[in-house]
């Protein structure tokens, strides 16, 4: 078990899960807002167009991922006391 010596393993697990779900949300925003345009003169355009409420959601998810990563790292550093 990776959280063997961590003082708050369930709290760290919750932050890890929330961070992973937010990362999946970011990937879904990129997938649903991507586009491909093929012209008749052999030109093509590929890109991602995120505007409006999708941009606000994207910024919020990025913020959640960063906060969860920092909190998870700090909780990983807090070790349990060994009582023999």
N, C-alpha and C. Protein backbone atom coordinates (compact mmCIF):
# COMPACT_ATOMS: atom_id res chain seq x y z
N UNK A 1 0.84 -1.19 0.00
CA UNK A 1 0.00 0.00 0.00
C UNK A 1 0.88 1.25 0.00
N UNK A 2 0.63 2.16 -0.90
CA UNK A 2 1.47 3.34 -1.03
C UNK A 2 1.28 4.34 0.09
N UNK A 3 0.14 4.35 0.74
CA UNK A 3 -0.14 5.32 1.79
C UNK A 3 0.09 4.72 3.17
N UNK A 4 1.06 3.84 3.29
CA UNK A 4 1.28 3.11 4.53
C UNK A 4 1.75 4.03 5.67
N UNK A 5 2.65 4.94 5.41
CA UNK A 5 3.21 5.78 6.46
C UNK A 5 2.65 7.20 6.43
N UNK A 6 1.57 7.43 5.72
CA UNK A 6 0.99 8.77 5.64
C UNK A 6 -0.01 8.93 6.77
N UNK A 7 -0.01 10.11 7.37
CA UNK A 7 -0.86 10.36 8.53
C UNK A 7 -2.34 10.44 8.16
N UNK A 8 -2.66 11.06 7.02
CA UNK A 8 -4.05 11.22 6.58
C UNK A 8 -4.24 10.58 5.20
N UNK A 9 -4.28 9.25 5.14
CA UNK A 9 -4.35 8.61 3.82
C UNK A 9 -5.66 8.83 3.08
N UNK A 10 -6.78 8.90 3.81
CA UNK A 10 -8.07 9.06 3.15
C UNK A 10 -8.26 10.47 2.60
N UNK A 11 -7.75 11.45 3.31
CA UNK A 11 -7.82 12.84 2.82
C UNK A 11 -6.97 12.98 1.56
N UNK A 12 -5.78 12.39 1.58
CA UNK A 12 -4.92 12.43 0.39
C UNK A 12 -5.58 11.70 -0.77
N UNK A 13 -6.23 10.59 -0.49
CA UNK A 13 -6.91 9.84 -1.54
C UNK A 13 -8.03 10.67 -2.17
N UNK A 14 -8.78 11.39 -1.35
CA UNK A 14 -9.87 12.23 -1.86
C UNK A 14 -9.31 13.33 -2.76
N UNK A 15 -8.23 13.98 -2.34
CA UNK A 15 -7.63 15.03 -3.17
C UNK A 15 -7.06 14.44 -4.46
N UNK A 16 -6.51 13.25 -4.40
CA UNK A 16 -6.00 12.60 -5.61
C UNK A 16 -7.13 12.30 -6.60
N UNK A 17 -8.25 11.79 -6.09
CA UNK A 17 -9.38 11.46 -6.96
C UNK A 17 -9.96 12.73 -7.58
N UNK A 18 -10.11 13.78 -6.78
CA UNK A 18 -10.64 15.04 -7.32
C UNK A 18 -9.71 15.61 -8.38
N UNK A 19 -8.40 15.53 -8.16
CA UNK A 19 -7.44 15.99 -9.15
C UNK A 19 -7.50 15.20 -10.45
N UNK A 20 -7.66 13.89 -10.33
CA UNK A 20 -7.76 13.05 -11.52
C UNK A 20 -9.03 13.36 -12.29
N UNK A 21 -10.16 13.52 -11.59
CA UNK A 21 -11.41 13.85 -12.26
C UNK A 21 -11.34 15.22 -12.95
N UNK A 22 -10.68 16.18 -12.31
CA UNK A 22 -10.52 17.49 -12.94
C UNK A 22 -9.63 17.38 -14.18
N UNK A 23 -8.61 16.55 -14.13
CA UNK A 23 -7.75 16.34 -15.31
C UNK A 23 -8.53 15.72 -16.46
N UNK A 24 -9.38 14.77 -16.14
CA UNK A 24 -10.23 14.17 -17.17
C UNK A 24 -11.17 15.22 -17.76
N UNK A 25 -11.68 16.11 -16.92
CA UNK A 25 -12.53 17.20 -17.39
C UNK A 25 -11.80 18.13 -18.35
N UNK A 26 -10.55 18.42 -18.06
CA UNK A 26 -9.74 19.26 -18.94
C UNK A 26 -9.56 18.58 -20.30
N UNK A 27 -9.26 17.29 -20.28
CA UNK A 27 -9.11 16.56 -21.55
C UNK A 27 -10.42 16.55 -22.34
N UNK A 28 -11.55 16.39 -21.67
CA UNK A 28 -12.83 16.40 -22.35
C UNK A 28 -13.14 17.76 -22.96
N UNK A 29 -12.78 18.83 -22.26
CA UNK A 29 -12.98 20.17 -22.83
C UNK A 29 -12.15 20.33 -24.09
N UNK A 30 -10.91 19.86 -24.07
CA UNK A 30 -10.07 19.95 -25.26
C UNK A 30 -10.64 19.11 -26.41
N UNK A 31 -11.16 17.93 -26.08
CA UNK A 31 -11.70 17.06 -27.13
C UNK A 31 -12.96 17.66 -27.75
N UNK A 32 -13.88 18.16 -26.90
CA UNK A 32 -15.15 18.66 -27.42
C UNK A 32 -15.02 20.02 -28.11
N UNK A 33 -13.95 20.76 -27.84
CA UNK A 33 -13.77 22.06 -28.46
C UNK A 33 -12.71 22.06 -29.57
N UNK A 34 -12.31 20.91 -30.01
CA UNK A 34 -11.34 20.84 -31.10
C UNK A 34 -12.08 20.87 -32.44
N UNK A 35 -11.37 21.28 -33.46
CA UNK A 35 -11.97 21.35 -34.79
C UNK A 35 -10.94 21.00 -35.85
N UNK A 36 -11.46 20.59 -36.99
CA UNK A 36 -10.63 20.32 -38.16
C UNK A 36 -11.37 20.87 -39.37
N UNK A 37 -10.66 21.62 -40.19
CA UNK A 37 -11.27 22.22 -41.38
C UNK A 37 -10.38 21.89 -42.58
N UNK A 38 -10.98 21.30 -43.58
CA UNK A 38 -10.25 20.93 -44.78
C UNK A 38 -10.77 21.78 -45.94
N UNK A 39 -9.87 22.52 -46.57
CA UNK A 39 -10.25 23.37 -47.70
C UNK A 39 -10.09 22.66 -49.03
N UNK A 40 -10.71 23.25 -50.03
CA UNK A 40 -10.65 22.65 -51.36
C UNK A 40 -9.29 22.88 -52.04
N UNK A 41 -8.53 23.85 -51.54
CA UNK A 41 -7.22 24.14 -52.14
C UNK A 41 -6.09 23.44 -51.37
N UNK A 42 -6.35 22.24 -50.89
CA UNK A 42 -5.40 21.39 -50.16
C UNK A 42 -4.84 22.05 -48.90
N UNK A 43 -5.64 22.89 -48.27
CA UNK A 43 -5.24 23.46 -46.98
C UNK A 43 -6.09 22.84 -45.89
N UNK A 44 -5.52 22.74 -44.73
CA UNK A 44 -6.26 22.17 -43.60
C UNK A 44 -5.90 22.94 -42.33
N UNK A 45 -6.88 23.04 -41.45
CA UNK A 45 -6.71 23.70 -40.18
C UNK A 45 -7.12 22.76 -39.06
N UNK A 46 -6.31 22.70 -38.03
CA UNK A 46 -6.63 21.93 -36.84
C UNK A 46 -6.42 22.84 -35.64
N UNK A 47 -7.29 22.73 -34.66
CA UNK A 47 -7.10 23.56 -33.49
C UNK A 47 -8.11 23.30 -32.40
N UNK A 48 -7.99 24.10 -31.35
CA UNK A 48 -8.90 24.04 -30.22
C UNK A 48 -9.43 25.44 -30.01
N UNK A 49 -10.75 25.58 -29.96
CA UNK A 49 -11.38 26.87 -29.77
C UNK A 49 -12.20 26.84 -28.49
N UNK A 50 -11.65 27.41 -27.42
CA UNK A 50 -12.32 27.42 -26.13
C UNK A 50 -12.68 28.86 -25.81
N UNK A 51 -13.99 29.16 -25.74
CA UNK A 51 -14.44 30.51 -25.45
C UNK A 51 -15.62 30.46 -24.49
N UNK A 52 -15.91 31.59 -23.90
CA UNK A 52 -17.09 31.74 -23.08
C UNK A 52 -17.05 30.93 -21.80
N UNK A 53 -18.15 30.26 -21.52
CA UNK A 53 -18.27 29.50 -20.27
C UNK A 53 -17.31 28.31 -20.26
N UNK A 54 -16.96 27.79 -21.41
CA UNK A 54 -15.97 26.69 -21.46
C UNK A 54 -14.61 27.16 -20.97
N UNK A 55 -14.27 28.42 -21.27
CA UNK A 55 -12.98 28.96 -20.81
C UNK A 55 -12.98 29.11 -19.29
N UNK A 56 -14.08 29.57 -18.74
CA UNK A 56 -14.18 29.71 -17.29
C UNK A 56 -14.09 28.34 -16.62
N UNK A 57 -14.77 27.36 -17.19
CA UNK A 57 -14.70 26.00 -16.66
C UNK A 57 -13.29 25.44 -16.78
N UNK A 58 -12.62 25.70 -17.88
CA UNK A 58 -11.25 25.23 -18.07
C UNK A 58 -10.31 25.85 -17.04
N UNK A 59 -10.42 27.15 -16.81
CA UNK A 59 -9.58 27.81 -15.79
C UNK A 59 -9.87 27.25 -14.40
N UNK A 60 -11.14 26.99 -14.11
CA UNK A 60 -11.49 26.44 -12.80
C UNK A 60 -10.92 25.04 -12.62
N UNK A 61 -11.00 24.22 -13.65
CA UNK A 61 -10.45 22.87 -13.56
C UNK A 61 -8.93 22.88 -13.43
N UNK A 62 -8.27 23.79 -14.13
CA UNK A 62 -6.80 23.90 -14.00
C UNK A 62 -6.44 24.31 -12.58
N UNK A 63 -7.18 25.25 -12.01
CA UNK A 63 -6.95 25.68 -10.63
C UNK A 63 -7.15 24.53 -9.66
N UNK A 64 -8.21 23.74 -9.86
CA UNK A 64 -8.47 22.60 -8.99
C UNK A 64 -7.35 21.57 -9.08
N UNK A 65 -6.85 21.32 -10.28
CA UNK A 65 -5.75 20.35 -10.45
C UNK A 65 -4.50 20.83 -9.71
N UNK A 66 -4.18 22.11 -9.83
CA UNK A 66 -2.98 22.65 -9.18
C UNK A 66 -3.13 22.57 -7.66
N UNK A 67 -4.28 22.96 -7.14
CA UNK A 67 -4.50 22.93 -5.69
C UNK A 67 -4.45 21.49 -5.18
N UNK A 68 -5.09 20.57 -5.88
CA UNK A 68 -5.07 19.17 -5.45
C UNK A 68 -3.66 18.59 -5.49
N UNK A 69 -2.88 18.96 -6.48
CA UNK A 69 -1.50 18.47 -6.56
C UNK A 69 -0.66 18.99 -5.39
N UNK A 70 -0.83 20.26 -5.06
CA UNK A 70 -0.06 20.84 -3.95
C UNK A 70 -0.48 20.22 -2.62
N UNK A 71 -1.79 20.10 -2.39
CA UNK A 71 -2.28 19.52 -1.13
C UNK A 71 -1.87 18.06 -1.02
N UNK A 72 -1.94 17.32 -2.11
CA UNK A 72 -1.54 15.92 -2.09
C UNK A 72 -0.05 15.78 -1.78
N UNK A 73 0.76 16.66 -2.35
CA UNK A 73 2.20 16.62 -2.07
C UNK A 73 2.49 16.93 -0.61
N UNK A 74 1.80 17.94 -0.06
CA UNK A 74 2.02 18.30 1.35
C UNK A 74 1.56 17.17 2.26
N UNK A 75 0.41 16.57 1.96
CA UNK A 75 -0.08 15.46 2.79
C UNK A 75 0.84 14.25 2.69
N UNK A 76 1.50 14.08 1.57
CA UNK A 76 2.44 12.98 1.41
C UNK A 76 3.67 13.18 2.30
N UNK A 77 4.03 14.43 2.55
CA UNK A 77 5.20 14.72 3.39
C UNK A 77 4.93 14.52 4.88
N UNK A 78 3.66 14.60 5.27
CA UNK A 78 3.30 14.44 6.69
C UNK A 78 3.29 12.94 7.00
N UNK A 79 4.26 12.52 7.76
CA UNK A 79 4.42 11.10 8.06
C UNK A 79 3.78 10.76 9.40
N UNK A 80 3.37 9.50 9.52
CA UNK A 80 2.80 8.99 10.75
C UNK A 80 3.93 8.68 11.73
N UNK A 81 3.66 8.87 13.00
CA UNK A 81 4.67 8.55 14.01
C UNK A 81 4.71 7.04 14.21
N UNK A 82 5.92 6.52 14.28
CA UNK A 82 6.07 5.08 14.51
C UNK A 82 6.09 4.83 16.01
N UNK A 83 5.16 4.02 16.47
CA UNK A 83 5.09 3.67 17.90
C UNK A 83 5.46 2.21 18.06
N UNK A 84 6.59 1.98 18.70
CA UNK A 84 7.04 0.60 18.88
C UNK A 84 6.83 0.16 20.30
